[in-house]
mmCIF file of all heavy atoms, coordinates in Angstrom:
data_MODEL
# 
_entry.id   MODEL 
# 
loop_
_atom_site.group_PDB 
_atom_site.id 
_atom_site.type_symbol 
_atom_site.label_atom_id 
_atom_site.label_alt_id 
_atom_site.label_comp_id 
_atom_site.label_asym_id 
_atom_site.label_entity_id 
_atom_site.label_seq_id 
_atom_site.pdbx_PDB_ins_code 
_atom_site.Cartn_x 
_atom_site.Cartn_y 
_atom_site.Cartn_z 
_atom_site.occupancy 
_atom_site.B_iso_or_equiv 
_atom_site.pdbx_formal_charge 
_atom_site.auth_seq_id 
_atom_site.auth_comp_id 
_atom_site.auth_asym_id 
_atom_site.auth_atom_id 
_atom_site.pdbx_PDB_model_num 
ATOM 1   N N   . ALA A 1 1  ? 0.837  -1.205 0.000   1.00 0.00 ? 1  ALA A N   1 
ATOM 2   C CA  . ALA A 1 1  ? 0.000  0.000  0.000   1.00 0.00 ? 1  ALA A CA  1 
ATOM 3   C C   . ALA A 1 1  ? 0.869  1.251  0.000   1.00 0.00 ? 1  ALA A C   1 
ATOM 4   O O   . ALA A 1 1  ? 0.588  2.227  -0.714  1.00 0.00 ? 1  ALA A O   1 
ATOM 5   C CB  . ALA A 1 1  ? -0.922 -0.005 1.223   1.00 0.00 ? 1  ALA A CB  1 
ATOM 6   N N   . SER A 1 2  ? 1.956  1.233  0.778   1.00 0.00 ? 2  SER A N   1 
ATOM 7   C CA  . SER A 1 2  ? 2.866  2.378  0.798   1.00 0.00 ? 2  SER A CA  1 
ATOM 8   C C   . SER A 1 2  ? 3.555  2.556  -0.548  1.00 0.00 ? 2  SER A C   1 
ATOM 9   O O   . SER A 1 2  ? 3.677  3.675  -1.058  1.00 0.00 ? 2  SER A O   1 
ATOM 10  C CB  . SER A 1 2  ? 3.917  2.193  1.897   1.00 0.00 ? 2  SER A CB  1 
ATOM 11  O OG  . SER A 1 2  ? 3.358  2.404  3.170   1.00 0.00 ? 2  SER A OG  1 
ATOM 12  N N   . ALA A 1 3  ? 4.014  1.456  -1.127  1.00 0.00 ? 3  ALA A N   1 
ATOM 13  C CA  . ALA A 1 3  ? 4.736  1.530  -2.399  1.00 0.00 ? 3  ALA A CA  1 
ATOM 14  C C   . ALA A 1 3  ? 3.845  2.067  -3.515  1.00 0.00 ? 3  ALA A C   1 
ATOM 15  O O   . ALA A 1 3  ? 4.245  2.963  -4.272  1.00 0.00 ? 3  ALA A O   1 
ATOM 16  C CB  . ALA A 1 3  ? 5.282  0.147  -2.765  1.00 0.00 ? 3  ALA A CB  1 
ATOM 17  N N   . PHE A 1 4  ? 2.629  1.541  -3.607  1.00 0.00 ? 4  PHE A N   1 
ATOM 18  C CA  . PHE A 1 4  ? 1.722  1.986  -4.659  1.00 0.00 ? 4  PHE A CA  1 
ATOM 19  C C   . PHE A 1 4  ? 1.281  3.427  -4.422  1.00 0.00 ? 4  PHE A C   1 
ATOM 20  O O   . PHE A 1 4  ? 1.147  4.215  -5.364  1.00 0.00 ? 4  PHE A O   1 
ATOM 21  C CB  . PHE A 1 4  ? 0.509  1.058  -4.725  1.00 0.00 ? 4  PHE A CB  1 
ATOM 22  C CG  . PHE A 1 4  ? -0.389 1.310  -5.901  1.00 0.00 ? 4  PHE A CG  1 
ATOM 23  C CD1 . PHE A 1 4  ? 0.126  1.379  -7.189  1.00 0.00 ? 4  PHE A CD1 1 
ATOM 24  C CD2 . PHE A 1 4  ? -1.758 1.489  -5.731  1.00 0.00 ? 4  PHE A CD2 1 
ATOM 25  C CE1 . PHE A 1 4  ? -0.705 1.617  -8.284  1.00 0.00 ? 4  PHE A CE1 1 
ATOM 26  C CE2 . PHE A 1 4  ? -2.591 1.727  -6.809  1.00 0.00 ? 4  PHE A CE2 1 
ATOM 27  C CZ  . PHE A 1 4  ? -2.067 1.795  -8.084  1.00 0.00 ? 4  PHE A CZ  1 
ATOM 28  N N   . GLY A 1 5  ? 1.075  3.786  -3.153  1.00 0.00 ? 5  GLY A N   1 
ATOM 29  C CA  . GLY A 1 5  ? 0.730  5.165  -2.840  1.00 0.00 ? 5  GLY A CA  1 
ATOM 30  C C   . GLY A 1 5  ? 1.847  6.116  -3.220  1.00 0.00 ? 5  GLY A C   1 
ATOM 31  O O   . GLY A 1 5  ? 1.596  7.193  -3.780  1.00 0.00 ? 5  GLY A O   1 
ATOM 32  N N   . GLY A 1 6  ? 3.096  5.743  -2.924  1.00 0.00 ? 6  GLY A N   1 
ATOM 33  C CA  . GLY A 1 6  ? 4.228  6.586  -3.297  1.00 0.00 ? 6  GLY A CA  1 
ATOM 34  C C   . GLY A 1 6  ? 4.341  6.771  -4.793  1.00 0.00 ? 6  GLY A C   1 
ATOM 35  O O   . GLY A 1 6  ? 4.646  7.867  -5.275  1.00 0.00 ? 6  GLY A O   1 
ATOM 36  N N   . LEU A 1 7  ? 4.070  5.703  -5.552  1.00 0.00 ? 7  LEU A N   1 
ATOM 37  C CA  . LEU A 1 7  ? 4.103  5.790  -7.010  1.00 0.00 ? 7  LEU A CA  1 
ATOM 38  C C   . LEU A 1 7  ? 3.025  6.741  -7.524  1.00 0.00 ? 7  LEU A C   1 
ATOM 39  O O   . LEU A 1 7  ? 3.283  7.585  -8.396  1.00 0.00 ? 7  LEU A O   1 
ATOM 40  C CB  . LEU A 1 7  ? 3.910  4.400  -7.615  1.00 0.00 ? 7  LEU A CB  1 
ATOM 41  C CG  . LEU A 1 7  ? 3.852  4.316  -9.143  1.00 0.00 ? 7  LEU A CG  1 
ATOM 42  C CD1 . LEU A 1 7  ? 5.155  4.803  -9.755  1.00 0.00 ? 7  LEU A CD1 1 
ATOM 43  C CD2 . LEU A 1 7  ? 3.553  2.888  -9.588  1.00 0.00 ? 7  LEU A CD2 1 
ATOM 44  N N   . CYS A 1 8  ? 1.828  6.622  -6.970  1.00 0.00 ? 8  CYS A N   1 
ATOM 45  C CA  . CYS A 1 8  ? 0.725  7.508  -7.395  1.00 0.00 ? 8  CYS A CA  1 
ATOM 46  C C   . CYS A 1 8  ? 1.031  8.961  -7.039  1.00 0.00 ? 8  CYS A C   1 
ATOM 47  O O   . CYS A 1 8  ? 0.794  9.874  -7.840  1.00 0.00 ? 8  CYS A O   1 
ATOM 48  C CB  . CYS A 1 8  ? -0.575 7.070  -6.730  1.00 0.00 ? 8  CYS A CB  1 
ATOM 49  S SG  . CYS A 1 8  ? -1.222 5.490  -7.311  1.00 0.00 ? 8  CYS A SG  1 
ATOM 50  N N   . GLY A 1 9  ? 1.564  9.197  -5.835  1.00 0.00 ? 9  GLY A N   1 
ATOM 51  C CA  . GLY A 1 9  ? 1.877  10.554 -5.421  1.00 0.00 ? 9  GLY A CA  1 
ATOM 52  C C   . GLY A 1 9  ? 2.942  11.189 -6.279  1.00 0.00 ? 9  GLY A C   1 
ATOM 53  O O   . GLY A 1 9  ? 2.833  12.366 -6.665  1.00 0.00 ? 9  GLY A O   1 
ATOM 54  N N   . ALA A 1 10 ? 3.991  10.437 -6.596  1.00 0.00 ? 10 ALA A N   1 
ATOM 55  C CA  . ALA A 1 10 ? 5.057  10.961 -7.448  1.00 0.00 ? 10 ALA A CA  1 
ATOM 56  C C   . ALA A 1 10 ? 4.530  11.292 -8.837  1.00 0.00 ? 10 ALA A C   1 
ATOM 57  O O   . ALA A 1 10 ? 4.913  12.304 -9.438  1.00 0.00 ? 10 ALA A O   1 
ATOM 58  C CB  . ALA A 1 10 ? 6.192  9.942  -7.535  1.00 0.00 ? 10 ALA A CB  1 
ATOM 59  N N   . THR A 1 11 ? 3.643  10.451 -9.343  1.00 0.00 ? 11 THR A N   1 
ATOM 60  C CA  . THR A 1 11 ? 3.057  10.700 -10.659 1.00 0.00 ? 11 THR A CA  1 
ATOM 61  C C   . THR A 1 11 ? 2.199  11.954 -10.644 1.00 0.00 ? 11 THR A C   1 
ATOM 62  O O   . THR A 1 11 ? 2.253  12.780 -11.567 1.00 0.00 ? 11 THR A O   1 
ATOM 63  C CB  . THR A 1 11 ? 2.207  9.494  -11.099 1.00 0.00 ? 11 THR A CB  1 
ATOM 64  O OG1 . THR A 1 11 ? 3.027  8.314  -11.109 1.00 0.00 ? 11 THR A OG1 1 
ATOM 65  C CG2 . THR A 1 11 ? 1.617  9.716  -12.488 1.00 0.00 ? 11 THR A CG2 1 
ATOM 66  N N   . LEU A 1 12 ? 1.414  12.124 -9.570  1.00 0.00 ? 12 LEU A N   1 
ATOM 67  C CA  . LEU A 1 12 ? 0.579  13.323 -9.451  1.00 0.00 ? 12 LEU A CA  1 
ATOM 68  C C   . LEU A 1 12 ? 1.423  14.588 -9.406  1.00 0.00 ? 12 LEU A C   1 
ATOM 69  O O   . LEU A 1 12 ? 1.039  15.622 -9.971  1.00 0.00 ? 12 LEU A O   1 
ATOM 70  C CB  . LEU A 1 12 ? -0.291 13.238 -8.191  1.00 0.00 ? 12 LEU A CB  1 
ATOM 71  C CG  . LEU A 1 12 ? -1.461 12.257 -8.236  1.00 0.00 ? 12 LEU A CG  1 
ATOM 72  C CD1 . LEU A 1 12 ? -2.132 12.163 -6.868  1.00 0.00 ? 12 LEU A CD1 1 
ATOM 73  C CD2 . LEU A 1 12 ? -2.478 12.676 -9.294  1.00 0.00 ? 12 LEU A CD2 1 
ATOM 74  N N   . LEU A 1 13 ? 2.566  14.529 -8.733  1.00 0.00 ? 13 LEU A N   1 
ATOM 75  C CA  . LEU A 1 13 ? 3.436  15.702 -8.664  1.00 0.00 ? 13 LEU A CA  1 
ATOM 76  C C   . LEU A 1 13 ? 3.868  16.159 -10.045 1.00 0.00 ? 13 LEU A C   1 
ATOM 77  O O   . LEU A 1 13 ? 3.993  17.354 -10.314 1.00 0.00 ? 13 LEU A O   1 
ATOM 78  C CB  . LEU A 1 13 ? 4.671  15.381 -7.816  1.00 0.00 ? 13 LEU A CB  1 
ATOM 79  C CG  . LEU A 1 13 ? 5.711  16.500 -7.702  1.00 0.00 ? 13 LEU A CG  1 
ATOM 80  C CD1 . LEU A 1 13 ? 5.134  17.695 -6.953  1.00 0.00 ? 13 LEU A CD1 1 
ATOM 81  C CD2 . LEU A 1 13 ? 6.979  16.003 -7.040  1.00 0.00 ? 13 LEU A CD2 1 
ATOM 82  N N   . LEU A 1 14 ? 4.048  15.206 -10.943 1.00 0.00 ? 14 LEU A N   1 
ATOM 83  C CA  . LEU A 1 14 ? 4.546  15.521 -12.273 1.00 0.00 ? 14 LEU A CA  1 
ATOM 84  C C   . LEU A 1 14 ? 3.454  15.944 -13.253 1.00 0.00 ? 14 LEU A C   1 
ATOM 85  O O   . LEU A 1 14 ? 3.753  16.573 -14.268 1.00 0.00 ? 14 LEU A O   1 
ATOM 86  C CB  . LEU A 1 14 ? 5.309  14.321 -12.837 1.00 0.00 ? 14 LEU A CB  1 
ATOM 87  C CG  . LEU A 1 14 ? 6.530  13.871 -12.021 1.00 0.00 ? 14 LEU A CG  1 
ATOM 88  C CD1 . LEU A 1 14 ? 7.121  12.598 -12.601 1.00 0.00 ? 14 LEU A CD1 1 
ATOM 89  C CD2 . LEU A 1 14 ? 7.581  14.967 -11.951 1.00 0.00 ? 14 LEU A CD2 1 
ATOM 90  N N   . VAL A 1 15 ? 2.197  15.594 -12.961 1.00 0.00 ? 15 VAL A N   1 
ATOM 91  C CA  . VAL A 1 15 ? 1.132  15.872 -13.936 1.00 0.00 ? 15 VAL A CA  1 
ATOM 92  C C   . VAL A 1 15 ? 0.101  16.890 -13.462 1.00 0.00 ? 15 VAL A C   1 
ATOM 93  O O   . VAL A 1 15 ? -0.649 17.417 -14.280 1.00 0.00 ? 15 VAL A O   1 
ATOM 94  C CB  . VAL A 1 15 ? 0.409  14.568 -14.340 1.00 0.00 ? 15 VAL A CB  1 
ATOM 95  C CG1 . VAL A 1 15 ? 1.383  13.576 -14.941 1.00 0.00 ? 15 VAL A CG1 1 
ATOM 96  C CG2 . VAL A 1 15 ? -0.329 13.938 -13.160 1.00 0.00 ? 15 VAL A CG2 1 
ATOM 97  N N   . LEU A 1 16 ? 0.055  17.206 -12.157 1.00 0.00 ? 16 LEU A N   1 
ATOM 98  C CA  . LEU A 1 16 ? -0.951 18.131 -11.646 1.00 0.00 ? 16 LEU A CA  1 
ATOM 99  C C   . LEU A 1 16 ? -0.301 19.411 -11.136 1.00 0.00 ? 16 LEU A C   1 
ATOM 100 O O   . LEU A 1 16 ? 0.857  19.399 -10.717 1.00 0.00 ? 16 LEU A O   1 
ATOM 101 C CB  . LEU A 1 16 ? -1.746 17.489 -10.497 1.00 0.00 ? 16 LEU A CB  1 
ATOM 102 C CG  . LEU A 1 16 ? -2.625 16.287 -10.839 1.00 0.00 ? 16 LEU A CG  1 
ATOM 103 C CD1 . LEU A 1 16 ? -3.312 15.774 -9.568  1.00 0.00 ? 16 LEU A CD1 1 
ATOM 104 C CD2 . LEU A 1 16 ? -3.657 16.652 -11.901 1.00 0.00 ? 16 LEU A CD2 1 
ATOM 105 N N   . PRO A 1 17 ? -1.048 20.530 -11.146 1.00 0.00 ? 17 PRO A N   1 
ATOM 106 C CA  . PRO A 1 17 ? -0.515 21.774 -10.563 1.00 0.00 ? 17 PRO A CA  1 
ATOM 107 C C   . PRO A 1 17 ? -0.365 21.616 -9.058  1.00 0.00 ? 17 PRO A C   1 
ATOM 108 O O   . PRO A 1 17 ? -1.153 20.930 -8.401  1.00 0.00 ? 17 PRO A O   1 
ATOM 109 C CB  . PRO A 1 17 ? -1.589 22.812 -10.916 1.00 0.00 ? 17 PRO A CB  1 
ATOM 110 C CG  . PRO A 1 17 ? -2.836 22.021 -11.129 1.00 0.00 ? 17 PRO A CG  1 
ATOM 111 C CD  . PRO A 1 17 ? -2.394 20.709 -11.726 1.00 0.00 ? 17 PRO A CD  1 
ATOM 112 N N   . ALA A 1 18 ? 0.663  22.252 -8.507  1.00 0.00 ? 18 ALA A N   1 
ATOM 113 C CA  . ALA A 1 18 ? 0.951  22.102 -7.077  1.00 0.00 ? 18 ALA A CA  1 
ATOM 114 C C   . ALA A 1 18 ? -0.217 22.539 -6.205  1.00 0.00 ? 18 ALA A C   1 
ATOM 115 O O   . ALA A 1 18 ? -0.468 21.950 -5.148  1.00 0.00 ? 18 ALA A O   1 
ATOM 116 C CB  . ALA A 1 18 ? 2.198  22.909 -6.720  1.00 0.00 ? 18 ALA A CB  1 
ATOM 117 N N   . GLU A 1 19 ? -0.959 23.546 -6.630  1.00 0.00 ? 19 GLU A N   1 
ATOM 118 C CA  . GLU A 1 19 ? -2.051 24.071 -5.819  1.00 0.00 ? 19 GLU A CA  1 
ATOM 119 C C   . GLU A 1 19 ? -3.115 23.024 -5.513  1.00 0.00 ? 19 GLU A C   1 
ATOM 120 O O   . GLU A 1 19 ? -3.772 23.075 -4.473  1.00 0.00 ? 19 GLU A O   1 
ATOM 121 C CB  . GLU A 1 19 ? -2.707 25.268 -6.517  1.00 0.00 ? 19 GLU A CB  1 
ATOM 122 C CG  . GLU A 1 19 ? -1.808 26.485 -6.665  1.00 0.00 ? 19 GLU A CG  1 
ATOM 123 C CD  . GLU A 1 19 ? -0.856 26.362 -7.849  1.00 0.00 ? 19 GLU A CD  1 
ATOM 124 O OE1 . GLU A 1 19 ? -0.953 25.359 -8.593  1.00 0.00 ? 19 GLU A OE1 1 
ATOM 125 O OE2 . GLU A 1 19 ? -0.019 27.276 -8.030  1.00 0.00 ? 19 GLU A OE2 1 
ATOM 126 N N   . ALA A 1 20 ? -3.297 22.071 -6.420  1.00 0.00 ? 20 ALA A N   1 
ATOM 127 C CA  . ALA A 1 20 ? -4.354 21.074 -6.260  1.00 0.00 ? 20 ALA A CA  1 
ATOM 128 C C   . ALA A 1 20 ? -4.158 20.233 -5.009  1.00 0.00 ? 20 ALA A C   1 
ATOM 129 O O   . ALA A 1 20 ? -5.118 19.880 -4.330  1.00 0.00 ? 20 ALA A O   1 
ATOM 130 C CB  . ALA A 1 20 ? -4.405 20.166 -7.498  1.00 0.00 ? 20 ALA A CB  1 
ATOM 131 N N   . PHE A 1 21 ? -2.922 19.910 -4.696  1.00 0.00 ? 21 PHE A N   1 
ATOM 132 C CA  . PHE A 1 21 ? -2.671 19.078 -3.518  1.00 0.00 ? 21 PHE A CA  1 
ATOM 133 C C   . PHE A 1 21 ? -2.253 19.903 -2.314  1.00 0.00 ? 21 PHE A C   1 
ATOM 134 O O   . PHE A 1 21 ? -2.596 19.586 -1.179  1.00 0.00 ? 21 PHE A O   1 
ATOM 135 C CB  . PHE A 1 21 ? -1.585 18.040 -3.833  1.00 0.00 ? 21 PHE A CB  1 
ATOM 136 C CG  . PHE A 1 21 ? -1.557 16.894 -2.864  1.00 0.00 ? 21 PHE A CG  1 
ATOM 137 C CD1 . PHE A 1 21 ? -2.443 15.842 -2.992  1.00 0.00 ? 21 PHE A CD1 1 
ATOM 138 C CD2 . PHE A 1 21 ? -0.639 16.858 -1.825  1.00 0.00 ? 21 PHE A CD2 1 
ATOM 139 C CE1 . PHE A 1 21 ? -2.428 14.776 -2.101  1.00 0.00 ? 21 PHE A CE1 1 
ATOM 140 C CE2 . PHE A 1 21 ? -0.605 15.799 -0.936  1.00 0.00 ? 21 PHE A CE2 1 
ATOM 141 C CZ  . PHE A 1 21 ? -1.503 14.761 -1.071  1.00 0.00 ? 21 PHE A CZ  1 
ATOM 142 N N   . ASP A 1 22 ? -1.521 21.001 -2.545  1.00 0.00 ? 22 ASP A N   1 
ATOM 143 C CA  . ASP A 1 22 ? -1.055 21.832 -1.435  1.00 0.00 ? 22 ASP A CA  1 
ATOM 144 C C   . ASP A 1 22 ? -2.213 22.365 -0.598  1.00 0.00 ? 22 ASP A C   1 
ATOM 145 O O   . ASP A 1 22 ? -2.046 22.612 0.603   1.00 0.00 ? 22 ASP A O   1 
ATOM 146 C CB  . ASP A 1 22 ? -0.236 23.013 -1.966  1.00 0.00 ? 22 ASP A CB  1 
ATOM 147 C CG  . ASP A 1 22 ? 1.124  22.568 -2.492  1.00 0.00 ? 22 ASP A CG  1 
ATOM 148 O OD1 . ASP A 1 22 ? 1.493  21.408 -2.240  1.00 0.00 ? 22 ASP A OD1 1 
ATOM 149 O OD2 . ASP A 1 22 ? 1.796  23.371 -3.156  1.00 0.00 ? 22 ASP A OD2 1 
ATOM 150 N N   . ALA A 1 23 ? -3.376 22.531 -1.215  1.00 0.00 ? 23 ALA A N   1 
ATOM 151 C CA  . ALA A 1 23 ? -4.517 23.085 -0.499  1.00 0.00 ? 23 ALA A CA  1 
ATOM 152 C C   . ALA A 1 23 ? -4.962 22.209 0.666   1.00 0.00 ? 23 ALA A C   1 
ATOM 153 O O   . ALA A 1 23 ? -5.476 22.708 1.675   1.00 0.00 ? 23 ALA A O   1 
ATOM 154 C CB  . ALA A 1 23 ? -5.685 23.298 -1.463  1.00 0.00 ? 23 ALA A CB  1 
ATOM 155 N N   . ILE A 1 24 ? -4.769 20.885 0.559   1.00 0.00 ? 24 ILE A N   1 
ATOM 156 C CA  . ILE A 1 24 ? -5.228 20.001 1.634   1.00 0.00 ? 24 ILE A CA  1 
ATOM 157 C C   . ILE A 1 24 ? -4.106 19.573 2.576   1.00 0.00 ? 24 ILE A C   1 
ATOM 158 O O   . ILE A 1 24 ? -4.373 18.903 3.578   1.00 0.00 ? 24 ILE A O   1 
ATOM 159 C CB  . ILE A 1 24 ? -5.907 18.744 1.064   1.00 0.00 ? 24 ILE A CB  1 
ATOM 160 C CG1 . ILE A 1 24 ? -4.888 17.839 0.347   1.00 0.00 ? 24 ILE A CG1 1 
ATOM 161 C CG2 . ILE A 1 24 ? -7.045 19.092 0.152   1.00 0.00 ? 24 ILE A CG2 1 
ATOM 162 C CD1 . ILE A 1 24 ? -5.447 16.482 -0.004  1.00 0.00 ? 24 ILE A CD1 1 
ATOM 163 N N   . VAL A 1 25 ? -2.863 19.962 2.298   1.00 0.00 ? 25 VAL A N   1 
ATOM 164 C CA  . VAL A 1 25 ? -1.752 19.562 3.164   1.00 0.00 ? 25 VAL A CA  1 
ATOM 165 C C   . VAL A 1 25 ? -1.933 20.045 4.600   1.00 0.00 ? 25 VAL A C   1 
ATOM 166 O O   . VAL A 1 25 ? -1.777 19.258 5.543   1.00 0.00 ? 25 VAL A O   1 
ATOM 167 C CB  . VAL A 1 25 ? -0.409 20.061 2.575   1.00 0.00 ? 25 VAL A CB  1 
ATOM 168 C CG1 . VAL A 1 25 ? 0.720  19.902 3.589   1.00 0.00 ? 25 VAL A CG1 1 
ATOM 169 C CG2 . VAL A 1 25 ? -0.079 19.290 1.314   1.00 0.00 ? 25 VAL A CG2 1 
# 
């Protein structure tokens, strides 16, 4: 679960604007 989550998160960093995730941090 950690490995797959890390892969998804890294992919999101490269394809989505930072504001989309930073808002919920």
